[in-house]
All heavy atoms as atom14 arrays in JSON, in Angstrom:
{
  "sequence": "LGEAPSVEHFEFEHLVVRPTLTPGRRGVKVAYDGEVARSTFACWTSR",
  "atom14_mask": [
    [1, 1, 1, 1, 1, 1, 1, 1, 0, 0, 0, 0, 0, 0],
    [1, 1, 1, 1, 0, 0, 0, 0, 0, 0, 0, 0, 0, 0],
    [1, 1, 1, 1, 1, 1, 1, 1, 1, 0, 0, 0, 0, 0],
    [1, 1, 1, 1, 1, 0, 0, 0, 0, 0, 0, 0, 0, 0],
    [1, 1, 1, 1, 1, 1, 1, 0, 0, 0, 0, 0, 0, 0],
    [1, 1, 1, 1, 1, 1, 0, 0, 0, 0, 0, 0, 0, 0],
    [1, 1, 1, 1, 1, 1, 1, 0, 0, 0, 0, 0, 0, 0],
    [1, 1, 1, 1, 1, 1, 1, 1, 1, 0, 0, 0, 0, 0],
    [1, 1, 1, 1, 1, 1, 1, 1, 1, 1, 0, 0, 0, 0],
    [1, 1, 1, 1, 1, 1, 1, 1, 1, 1, 1, 0, 0, 0],
    [1, 1, 1, 1, 1, 1, 1, 1, 1, 0, 0, 0, 0, 0],
    [1, 1, 1, 1, 1, 1, 1, 1, 1, 1, 1, 0, 0, 0],
    [1, 1, 1, 1, 1, 1, 1, 1, 1, 0, 0, 0, 0, 0],
    [1, 1, 1, 1, 1, 1, 1, 1, 1, 1, 0, 0, 0, 0],
    [1, 1, 1, 1, 1, 1, 1, 1, 0, 0, 0, 0, 0, 0],
    [1, 1, 1, 1, 1, 1, 1, 0, 0, 0, 0, 0, 0, 0],
    [1, 1, 1, 1, 1, 1, 1, 0, 0, 0, 0, 0, 0, 0],
    [1, 1, 1, 1, 1, 1, 1, 1, 1, 1, 1, 0, 0, 0],
    [1, 1, 1, 1, 1, 1, 1, 0, 0, 0, 0, 0, 0, 0],
    [1, 1, 1, 1, 1, 1, 1, 0, 0, 0, 0, 0, 0, 0],
    [1, 1, 1, 1, 1, 1, 1, 1, 0, 0, 0, 0, 0, 0],
    [1, 1, 1, 1, 1, 1, 1, 0, 0, 0, 0, 0, 0, 0],
    [1, 1, 1, 1, 1, 1, 1, 0, 0, 0, 0, 0, 0, 0],
    [1, 1, 1, 1, 0, 0, 0, 0, 0, 0, 0, 0, 0, 0],
    [1, 1, 1, 1, 1, 1, 1, 1, 1, 1, 1, 0, 0, 0],
    [1, 1, 1, 1, 1, 1, 1, 1, 1, 1, 1, 0, 0, 0],
    [1, 1, 1, 1, 0, 0, 0, 0, 0, 0, 0, 0, 0, 0],
    [1, 1, 1, 1, 1, 1, 1, 0, 0, 0, 0, 0, 0, 0],
    [1, 1, 1, 1, 1, 1, 1, 1, 1, 0, 0, 0, 0, 0],
    [1, 1, 1, 1, 1, 1, 1, 0, 0, 0, 0, 0, 0, 0],
    [1, 1, 1, 1, 1, 0, 0, 0, 0, 0, 0, 0, 0, 0],
    [1, 1, 1, 1, 1, 1, 1, 1, 1, 1, 1, 1, 0, 0],
    [1, 1, 1, 1, 1, 1, 1, 1, 0, 0, 0, 0, 0, 0],
    [1, 1, 1, 1, 0, 0, 0, 0, 0, 0, 0, 0, 0, 0],
    [1, 1, 1, 1, 1, 1, 1, 1, 1, 0, 0, 0, 0, 0],
    [1, 1, 1, 1, 1, 1, 1, 0, 0, 0, 0, 0, 0, 0],
    [1, 1, 1, 1, 1, 0, 0, 0, 0, 0, 0, 0, 0, 0],
    [1, 1, 1, 1, 1, 1, 1, 1, 1, 1, 1, 0, 0, 0],
    [1, 1, 1, 1, 1, 1, 0, 0, 0, 0, 0, 0, 0, 0],
    [1, 1, 1, 1, 1, 1, 1, 0, 0, 0, 0, 0, 0, 0],
    [1, 1, 1, 1, 1, 1, 1, 1, 1, 1, 1, 0, 0, 0],
    [1, 1, 1, 1, 1, 0, 0, 0, 0, 0, 0, 0, 0, 0],
    [1, 1, 1, 1, 1, 1, 0, 0, 0, 0, 0, 0, 0, 0],
    [1, 1, 1, 1, 1, 1, 1, 1, 1, 1, 1, 1, 1, 1],
    [1, 1, 1, 1, 1, 1, 1, 0, 0, 0, 0, 0, 0, 0],
    [1, 1, 1, 1, 1, 1, 0, 0, 0, 0, 0, 0, 0, 0],
    [1, 1, 1, 1, 1, 1, 1, 1, 1, 1, 1, 0, 0, 0]
  ],
  "atom14_positions": [
    [[104.17, 127.98, 85.25], [103.72, 127.08, 86.31], [104.79, 126.9, 87.39], [104.48, 126.77, 88.57], [103.34, 125.72, 85.72], [102.54, 124.77, 86.61], [101.17, 125.36, 86.92], [102.39, 123.41, 85.95], [0.0, 0.0, 0.0], [0.0, 0.0, 0.0], [0.0, 0.0, 0.0], [0.0, 0.0, 0.0], [0.0, 0.0, 0.0], [0.0, 0.0, 0.0]],
    [[106.05, 126.88, 86.99], [107.13, 126.69, 87.95], [107.26, 127.81, 88.95], [107.89, 127.63, 89.99], [0.0, 0.0, 0.0], [0.0, 0.0, 0.0], [0.0, 0.0, 0.0], [0.0, 0.0, 0.0], [0.0, 0.0, 0.0], [0.0, 0.0, 0.0], [0.0, 0.0, 0.0], [0.0, 0.0, 0.0], [0.0, 0.0, 0.0], [0.0, 0.0, 0.0]],
    [[106.67, 128.96, 88.67], [106.73, 130.1, 89.58], [105.6, 130.12, 90.6], [105.61, 130.93, 91.52], [106.71, 131.41, 88.77], [107.86, 131.54, 87.79], [107.73, 132.77, 86.91], [106.85, 133.61, 87.21], [108.49, 132.89, 85.93], [0.0, 0.0, 0.0], [0.0, 0.0, 0.0], [0.0, 0.0, 0.0], [0.0, 0.0, 0.0], [0.0, 0.0, 0.0]],
    [[104.6, 129.26, 90.43], [103.46, 129.24, 91.35], [103.9, 128.76, 92.73], [104.65, 127.79, 92.85], [102.37, 128.33, 90.8], [0.0, 0.0, 0.0], [0.0, 0.0, 0.0], [0.0, 0.0, 0.0], [0.0, 0.0, 0.0], [0.0, 0.0, 0.0], [0.0, 0.0, 0.0], [0.0, 0.0, 0.0], [0.0, 0.0, 0.0], [0.0, 0.0, 0.0]],
    [[103.47, 129.44, 93.82], [103.91, 129.06, 95.17], [103.45, 127.68, 95.6], [104.05, 127.08, 96.5], [103.3, 130.15, 96.06], [102.17, 130.73, 95.26], [102.59, 130.63, 93.83], [0.0, 0.0, 0.0], [0.0, 0.0, 0.0], [0.0, 0.0, 0.0], [0.0, 0.0, 0.0], [0.0, 0.0, 0.0], [0.0, 0.0, 0.0], [0.0, 0.0, 0.0]],
    [[102.41, 127.15, 94.96], [101.9, 125.83, 95.34], [102.58, 124.69, 94.6], [102.26, 123.53, 94.79], [100.39, 125.76, 95.07], [100.11, 126.06, 93.71], [0.0, 0.0, 0.0], [0.0, 0.0, 0.0], [0.0, 0.0, 0.0], [0.0, 0.0, 0.0], [0.0, 0.0, 0.0], [0.0, 0.0, 0.0], [0.0, 0.0, 0.0], [0.0, 0.0, 0.0]],
    [[103.56, 125.02, 93.76], [104.22, 124.02, 92.93], [105.67, 123.83, 93.39], [106.41, 124.79, 93.56], [104.2, 124.42, 91.44], [105.06, 123.47, 90.6], [102.76, 124.42, 90.92], [0.0, 0.0, 0.0], [0.0, 0.0, 0.0], [0.0, 0.0, 0.0], [0.0, 0.0, 0.0], [0.0, 0.0, 0.0], [0.0, 0.0, 0.0], [0.0, 0.0, 0.0]],
    [[106.06, 122.58, 93.59], [107.44, 122.22, 93.91], [107.98, 121.36, 92.79], [107.28, 120.48, 92.28], [107.5, 121.43, 95.22], [108.89, 120.89, 95.55], [108.89, 119.9, 96.7], [107.83, 119.72, 97.34], [109.95, 119.28, 96.96], [0.0, 0.0, 0.0], [0.0, 0.0, 0.0], [0.0, 0.0, 0.0], [0.0, 0.0, 0.0], [0.0, 0.0, 0.0]],
    [[109.22, 121.59, 92.37], [109.81, 120.72, 91.36], [111.28, 120.47, 91.69], [111.96, 121.32, 92.26], [109.65, 121.3, 89.95], [110.27, 122.64, 89.73], [111.55, 122.82, 89.26], [109.76, 123.9, 89.9], [111.81, 124.1, 89.15], [110.74, 124.78, 89.53], [0.0, 0.0, 0.0], [0.0, 0.0, 0.0], [0.0, 0.0, 0.0], [0.0, 0.0, 0.0]],
    [[111.73, 119.27, 91.35], [113.1, 118.87, 91.63], [113.51, 117.78, 90.65], [112.67, 117.12, 90.04], [113.25, 118.36, 93.07], [112.34, 117.2, 93.42], [112.77, 115.89, 93.27], [111.05, 117.44, 93.89], [111.94, 114.82, 93.59], [110.21, 116.38, 94.21], [110.66, 115.06, 94.06], [0.0, 0.0, 0.0], [0.0, 0.0, 0.0], [0.0, 0.0, 0.0]],
    [[114.82, 117.59, 90.49], [115.35, 116.6, 89.56], [115.83, 115.37, 90.33], [116.23, 115.46, 91.5], [116.5, 117.18, 88.74], [116.08, 118.29, 87.81], [117.23, 118.79, 86.95], [118.25, 118.07, 86.85], [117.12, 119.89, 86.41], [0.0, 0.0, 0.0], [0.0, 0.0, 0.0], [0.0, 0.0, 0.0], [0.0, 0.0, 0.0], [0.0, 0.0, 0.0]],
    [[115.83, 114.23, 89.64], [116.31, 113.0, 90.28], [116.66, 111.98, 89.2], [116.28, 112.1, 88.04], [115.24, 112.43, 91.21], [114.0, 111.93, 90.51], [113.88, 110.6, 90.12], [112.94, 112.79, 90.25], [112.75, 110.14, 89.47], [111.8, 112.34, 89.61], [111.7, 111.01, 89.22], [0.0, 0.0, 0.0], [0.0, 0.0, 0.0], [0.0, 0.0, 0.0]],
    [[117.4, 110.97, 89.61], [117.69, 109.81, 88.77], [116.87, 108.59, 89.18], [116.53, 107.76, 88.34], [119.18, 109.47, 88.82], [120.09, 110.54, 88.25], [121.55, 110.15, 88.32], [121.83, 108.96, 88.6], [122.42, 111.02, 88.1], [0.0, 0.0, 0.0], [0.0, 0.0, 0.0], [0.0, 0.0, 0.0], [0.0, 0.0, 0.0], [0.0, 0.0, 0.0]],
    [[116.58, 108.49, 90.48], [115.85, 107.34, 91.0], [114.99, 107.79, 92.16], [115.48, 108.49, 93.06], [116.84, 106.25, 91.45], [116.19, 104.98, 91.89], [115.73, 104.03, 91.0], [115.9, 104.5, 93.13], [115.21, 103.01, 91.67], [115.3, 103.27, 92.97], [0.0, 0.0, 0.0], [0.0, 0.0, 0.0], [0.0, 0.0, 0.0], [0.0, 0.0, 0.0]],
    [[113.72, 107.42, 92.15], [112.78, 107.86, 93.18], [111.83, 106.72, 93.5], [111.29, 106.08, 92.59], [111.99, 109.08, 92.67], [111.16, 109.87, 93.69], [112.1, 110.67, 94.59], [110.2, 110.81, 92.97], [0.0, 0.0, 0.0], [0.0, 0.0, 0.0], [0.0, 0.0, 0.0], [0.0, 0.0, 0.0], [0.0, 0.0, 0.0], [0.0, 0.0, 0.0]],
    [[111.63, 106.44, 94.78], [110.68, 105.42, 95.22], [109.48, 106.12, 95.85], [109.65, 106.96, 96.75], [111.32, 104.44, 96.22], [110.28, 103.44, 96.74], [112.49, 103.71, 95.57], [0.0, 0.0, 0.0], [0.0, 0.0, 0.0], [0.0, 0.0, 0.0], [0.0, 0.0, 0.0], [0.0, 0.0, 0.0], [0.0, 0.0, 0.0], [0.0, 0.0, 0.0]],
    [[108.27, 105.79, 95.37], [107.05, 106.42, 95.86], [106.09, 105.33, 96.33], [105.76, 104.42, 95.58], [106.38, 107.26, 94.74], [105.07, 107.86, 95.25], [107.31, 108.35, 94.25], [0.0, 0.0, 0.0], [0.0, 0.0, 0.0], [0.0, 0.0, 0.0], [0.0, 0.0, 0.0], [0.0, 0.0, 0.0], [0.0, 0.0, 0.0], [0.0, 0.0, 0.0]],
    [[105.64, 105.45, 97.58], [104.69, 104.5, 98.14], [103.43, 105.27, 98.55], [103.44, 105.98, 99.56], [105.28, 103.78, 99.35], [106.6, 103.06, 99.08], [107.15, 102.43, 100.34], [108.52, 101.97, 100.16], [108.86, 100.78, 99.7], [107.9, 99.92, 99.37], [110.13, 100.43, 99.56], [0.0, 0.0, 0.0], [0.0, 0.0, 0.0], [0.0, 0.0, 0.0]],
    [[102.34, 105.13, 97.8], [101.1, 105.81, 98.19], [100.41, 105.09, 99.33], [100.44, 103.86, 99.43], [100.26, 105.74, 96.91], [100.78, 104.57, 96.15], [102.23, 104.44, 96.5], [0.0, 0.0, 0.0], [0.0, 0.0, 0.0], [0.0, 0.0, 0.0], [0.0, 0.0, 0.0], [0.0, 0.0, 0.0], [0.0, 0.0, 0.0], [0.0, 0.0, 0.0]],
    [[99.79, 105.87, 100.23], [98.97, 105.31, 101.3], [97.57, 105.08, 100.77], [96.92, 106.02, 100.3], [98.93, 106.26, 102.51], [100.26, 106.46, 102.99], [98.07, 105.69, 103.61], [0.0, 0.0, 0.0], [0.0, 0.0, 0.0], [0.0, 0.0, 0.0], [0.0, 0.0, 0.0], [0.0, 0.0, 0.0], [0.0, 0.0, 0.0], [0.0, 0.0, 0.0]],
    [[97.11, 103.84, 100.81], [95.82, 103.49, 100.22], [94.77, 103.35, 101.31], [95.01, 102.74, 102.36], [95.92, 102.18, 99.43], [96.94, 102.16, 98.29], [96.96, 100.78, 97.64], [96.62, 103.22, 97.27], [0.0, 0.0, 0.0], [0.0, 0.0, 0.0], [0.0, 0.0, 0.0], [0.0, 0.0, 0.0], [0.0, 0.0, 0.0], [0.0, 0.0, 0.0]],
    [[93.58, 103.9, 101.06], [92.46, 103.71, 101.96], [91.9, 102.31, 101.77], [92.09, 101.7, 100.7], [91.37, 104.75, 101.69], [90.97, 104.66, 100.31], [91.88, 106.15, 101.98], [0.0, 0.0, 0.0], [0.0, 0.0, 0.0], [0.0, 0.0, 0.0], [0.0, 0.0, 0.0], [0.0, 0.0, 0.0], [0.0, 0.0, 0.0], [0.0, 0.0, 0.0]],
    [[91.23, 101.75, 102.76], [90.68, 100.39, 102.64], [89.79, 100.25, 101.4], [88.94, 101.11, 101.13], [89.88, 100.22, 103.93], [90.55, 101.14, 104.9], [90.99, 102.32, 104.1], [0.0, 0.0, 0.0], [0.0, 0.0, 0.0], [0.0, 0.0, 0.0], [0.0, 0.0, 0.0], [0.0, 0.0, 0.0], [0.0, 0.0, 0.0], [0.0, 0.0, 0.0]],
    [[90.0, 99.19, 100.67], [89.18, 98.93, 99.48], [89.78, 99.45, 98.18], [89.34, 99.03, 97.11], [0.0, 0.0, 0.0], [0.0, 0.0, 0.0], [0.0, 0.0, 0.0], [0.0, 0.0, 0.0], [0.0, 0.0, 0.0], [0.0, 0.0, 0.0], [0.0, 0.0, 0.0], [0.0, 0.0, 0.0], [0.0, 0.0, 0.0], [0.0, 0.0, 0.0]],
    [[90.76, 100.33, 98.26], [91.37, 100.84, 97.03], [92.44, 99.87, 96.53], [93.26, 99.38, 97.3], [92.0, 102.22, 97.26], [90.98, 103.33, 97.5], [91.66, 104.68, 97.53], [92.16, 105.04, 96.22], [92.93, 106.11, 96.0], [93.28, 106.89, 97.02], [93.35, 106.4, 94.8], [0.0, 0.0, 0.0], [0.0, 0.0, 0.0], [0.0, 0.0, 0.0]],
    [[92.43, 99.62, 95.22], [93.35, 98.66, 94.62], [94.66, 99.31, 94.18], [95.57, 98.65, 93.71], [92.7, 97.98, 93.42], [91.49, 97.13, 93.78], [90.85, 96.52, 92.54], [90.24, 97.53, 91.7], [90.72, 97.92, 90.53], [91.86, 97.41, 90.09], [90.1, 98.83, 89.82], [0.0, 0.0, 0.0], [0.0, 0.0, 0.0], [0.0, 0.0, 0.0]],
    [[94.75, 100.61, 94.32], [95.94, 101.33, 93.88], [95.55, 102.72, 93.47], [94.39, 103.13, 93.55], [0.0, 0.0, 0.0], [0.0, 0.0, 0.0], [0.0, 0.0, 0.0], [0.0, 0.0, 0.0], [0.0, 0.0, 0.0], [0.0, 0.0, 0.0], [0.0, 0.0, 0.0], [0.0, 0.0, 0.0], [0.0, 0.0, 0.0], [0.0, 0.0, 0.0]],
    [[96.52, 103.5, 93.03], [96.25, 104.85, 92.53], [96.4, 104.85, 91.02], [97.15, 104.05, 90.45], [97.2, 105.89, 93.16], [96.99, 105.96, 94.66], [98.65, 105.55, 92.85], [0.0, 0.0, 0.0], [0.0, 0.0, 0.0], [0.0, 0.0, 0.0], [0.0, 0.0, 0.0], [0.0, 0.0, 0.0], [0.0, 0.0, 0.0], [0.0, 0.0, 0.0]],
    [[95.69, 105.74, 90.37], [95.78, 105.85, 88.93], [97.12, 106.47, 88.54], [97.56, 107.45, 89.13], [94.64, 106.71, 88.38], [93.27, 106.08, 88.53], [92.17, 106.99, 88.01], [90.8, 106.35, 88.19], [89.71, 107.26, 87.74], [0.0, 0.0, 0.0], [0.0, 0.0, 0.0], [0.0, 0.0, 0.0], [0.0, 0.0, 0.0], [0.0, 0.0, 0.0]],
    [[97.76, 105.88, 87.55], [99.02, 106.37, 87.03], [98.9, 106.5, 85.52], [98.43, 105.58, 84.85], [100.19, 105.43, 87.37], [101.51, 105.98, 86.83], [100.29, 105.21, 88.88], [0.0, 0.0, 0.0], [0.0, 0.0, 0.0], [0.0, 0.0, 0.0], [0.0, 0.0, 0.0], [0.0, 0.0, 0.0], [0.0, 0.0, 0.0], [0.0, 0.0, 0.0]],
    [[99.28, 107.64, 84.98], [99.24, 107.88, 83.54], [100.64, 107.8, 82.96], [101.57, 108.41, 83.5], [98.63, 109.24, 83.23], [0.0, 0.0, 0.0], [0.0, 0.0, 0.0], [0.0, 0.0, 0.0], [0.0, 0.0, 0.0], [0.0, 0.0, 0.0], [0.0, 0.0, 0.0], [0.0, 0.0, 0.0], [0.0, 0.0, 0.0], [0.0, 0.0, 0.0]],
    [[100.8, 107.01, 81.89], [102.08, 106.88, 81.19], [101.88, 107.39, 79.77], [101.22, 106.74, 78.96], [102.52, 105.41, 81.11], [102.49, 104.63, 82.39], [101.3, 104.1, 82.89], [103.66, 104.4, 83.12], [101.27, 103.37, 84.05], [103.64, 103.65, 84.28], [102.44, 103.15, 84.75], [102.41, 102.41, 85.91], [0.0, 0.0, 0.0], [0.0, 0.0, 0.0]],
    [[102.42, 108.56, 79.45], [102.25, 109.13, 78.1], [100.79, 109.12, 77.68], [100.44, 108.83, 76.53], [103.1, 108.37, 77.08], [104.59, 108.55, 77.3], [104.97, 109.58, 77.88], [105.36, 107.67, 76.9], [0.0, 0.0, 0.0], [0.0, 0.0, 0.0], [0.0, 0.0, 0.0], [0.0, 0.0, 0.0], [0.0, 0.0, 0.0], [0.0, 0.0, 0.0]],
    [[99.89, 109.43, 78.62], [98.47, 109.54, 78.3], [97.65, 108.29, 78.52], [96.42, 108.35, 78.46], [0.0, 0.0, 0.0], [0.0, 0.0, 0.0], [0.0, 0.0, 0.0], [0.0, 0.0, 0.0], [0.0, 0.0, 0.0], [0.0, 0.0, 0.0], [0.0, 0.0, 0.0], [0.0, 0.0, 0.0], [0.0, 0.0, 0.0], [0.0, 0.0, 0.0]],
    [[98.29, 107.15, 78.79], [97.57, 105.91, 79.05], [97.47, 105.68, 80.55], [98.48, 105.72, 81.26], [98.29, 104.73, 78.39], [98.41, 104.85, 76.87], [97.07, 104.84, 76.18], [96.3, 103.88, 76.41], [96.77, 105.78, 75.42], [0.0, 0.0, 0.0], [0.0, 0.0, 0.0], [0.0, 0.0, 0.0], [0.0, 0.0, 0.0], [0.0, 0.0, 0.0]],
    [[96.25, 105.43, 81.06], [96.01, 105.36, 82.49], [95.93, 103.91, 82.97], [95.26, 103.08, 82.36], [94.71, 106.1, 82.87], [94.47, 106.04, 84.38], [94.78, 107.56, 82.42], [0.0, 0.0, 0.0], [0.0, 0.0, 0.0], [0.0, 0.0, 0.0], [0.0, 0.0, 0.0], [0.0, 0.0, 0.0], [0.0, 0.0, 0.0], [0.0, 0.0, 0.0]],
    [[96.65, 103.6, 84.07], [96.61, 102.28, 84.7], [96.6, 102.51, 86.21], [96.48, 103.63, 86.69], [97.81, 101.45, 84.27], [0.0, 0.0, 0.0], [0.0, 0.0, 0.0], [0.0, 0.0, 0.0], [0.0, 0.0, 0.0], [0.0, 0.0, 0.0], [0.0, 0.0, 0.0], [0.0, 0.0, 0.0], [0.0, 0.0, 0.0], [0.0, 0.0, 0.0]],
    [[96.74, 101.43, 86.99], [96.76, 101.53, 88.44], [98.05, 100.93, 88.99], [98.59, 99.99, 88.42], [95.55, 100.84, 89.08], [94.27, 101.64, 88.98], [93.15, 101.03, 89.78], [91.95, 101.85, 89.73], [91.68, 102.85, 90.55], [92.53, 103.13, 91.54], [90.58, 103.55, 90.43], [0.0, 0.0, 0.0], [0.0, 0.0, 0.0], [0.0, 0.0, 0.0]],
    [[98.52, 101.47, 90.13], [99.74, 100.96, 90.75], [99.66, 101.16, 92.25], [99.04, 102.11, 92.73], [100.96, 101.69, 90.18], [102.15, 101.24, 90.79], [0.0, 0.0, 0.0], [0.0, 0.0, 0.0], [0.0, 0.0, 0.0], [0.0, 0.0, 0.0], [0.0, 0.0, 0.0], [0.0, 0.0, 0.0], [0.0, 0.0, 0.0], [0.0, 0.0, 0.0]],
    [[100.27, 100.25, 92.99], [100.35, 100.37, 94.45], [101.74, 100.76, 94.93], [101.95, 101.03, 96.1], [99.95, 99.04, 95.12], [100.84, 98.01, 94.66], [98.53, 98.67, 94.8], [0.0, 0.0, 0.0], [0.0, 0.0, 0.0], [0.0, 0.0, 0.0], [0.0, 0.0, 0.0], [0.0, 0.0, 0.0], [0.0, 0.0, 0.0], [0.0, 0.0, 0.0]],
    [[102.69, 100.76, 94.01], [104.09, 101.05, 94.34], [104.73, 101.61, 93.08], [104.43, 101.16, 91.97], [104.8, 99.78, 94.78], [106.3, 99.91, 94.89], [106.88, 100.45, 96.02], [107.12, 99.49, 93.85], [108.26, 100.56, 96.12], [108.5, 99.6, 93.94], [109.06, 100.14, 95.08], [0.0, 0.0, 0.0], [0.0, 0.0, 0.0], [0.0, 0.0, 0.0]],
    [[105.59, 102.59, 93.22], [106.21, 103.19, 92.04], [107.68, 103.44, 92.28], [108.06, 104.12, 93.23], [105.51, 104.5, 91.67], [0.0, 0.0, 0.0], [0.0, 0.0, 0.0], [0.0, 0.0, 0.0], [0.0, 0.0, 0.0], [0.0, 0.0, 0.0], [0.0, 0.0, 0.0], [0.0, 0.0, 0.0], [0.0, 0.0, 0.0], [0.0, 0.0, 0.0]],
    [[108.51, 102.85, 91.43], [109.95, 103.09, 91.45], [110.29, 103.81, 90.15], [110.27, 103.21, 89.07], [110.7, 101.77, 91.56], [112.49, 101.96, 91.58], [0.0, 0.0, 0.0], [0.0, 0.0, 0.0], [0.0, 0.0, 0.0], [0.0, 0.0, 0.0], [0.0, 0.0, 0.0], [0.0, 0.0, 0.0], [0.0, 0.0, 0.0], [0.0, 0.0, 0.0]],
    [[110.54, 105.11, 90.21], [110.77, 105.94, 89.03], [112.27, 106.03, 88.78], [113.05, 106.29, 89.68], [110.22, 107.35, 89.26], [108.86, 107.45, 89.82], [108.44, 107.02, 91.05], [107.71, 108.03, 89.21], [107.11, 107.3, 91.22], [106.63, 107.92, 90.13], [107.49, 108.65, 87.97], [105.37, 108.4, 89.84], [106.21, 109.13, 87.69], [105.17, 109.0, 88.6]],
    [[112.67, 105.87, 87.54], [114.09, 105.93, 87.21], [114.27, 106.33, 85.77], [113.34, 106.26, 84.96], [114.77, 104.56, 87.48], [116.18, 104.71, 87.36], [114.3, 103.51, 86.51], [0.0, 0.0, 0.0], [0.0, 0.0, 0.0], [0.0, 0.0, 0.0], [0.0, 0.0, 0.0], [0.0, 0.0, 0.0], [0.0, 0.0, 0.0], [0.0, 0.0, 0.0]],
    [[115.47, 106.78, 85.42], [115.81, 107.12, 84.03], [116.66, 106.0, 83.43], [117.42, 105.34, 84.12], [116.57, 108.44, 83.96], [117.78, 108.37, 84.68], [0.0, 0.0, 0.0], [0.0, 0.0, 0.0], [0.0, 0.0, 0.0], [0.0, 0.0, 0.0], [0.0, 0.0, 0.0], [0.0, 0.0, 0.0], [0.0, 0.0, 0.0], [0.0, 0.0, 0.0]],
    [[116.5, 105.8, 82.1], [117.23, 104.76, 81.39], [117.65, 105.3, 80.04], [117.36, 106.43, 79.68], [116.33, 103.52, 81.21], [115.85, 102.9, 82.52], [114.94, 101.7, 82.25], [114.51, 101.09, 83.49], [113.7, 100.04, 83.55], [113.24, 99.5, 82.43], [113.36, 99.53, 84.7], [0.0, 0.0, 0.0], [0.0, 0.0, 0.0], [0.0, 0.0, 0.0]]
  ]
}
């Protein structure tokens, strides 16, 4: 999969992600180890 031209991958320690939401949407679906929830803001980090 890492060789596919449509795939980008990179490493990080801390990443802030802000999705743009269309009117009426409460957030985007986020899966954590297979469990799905919703979020409007995501601060990804390692611990």
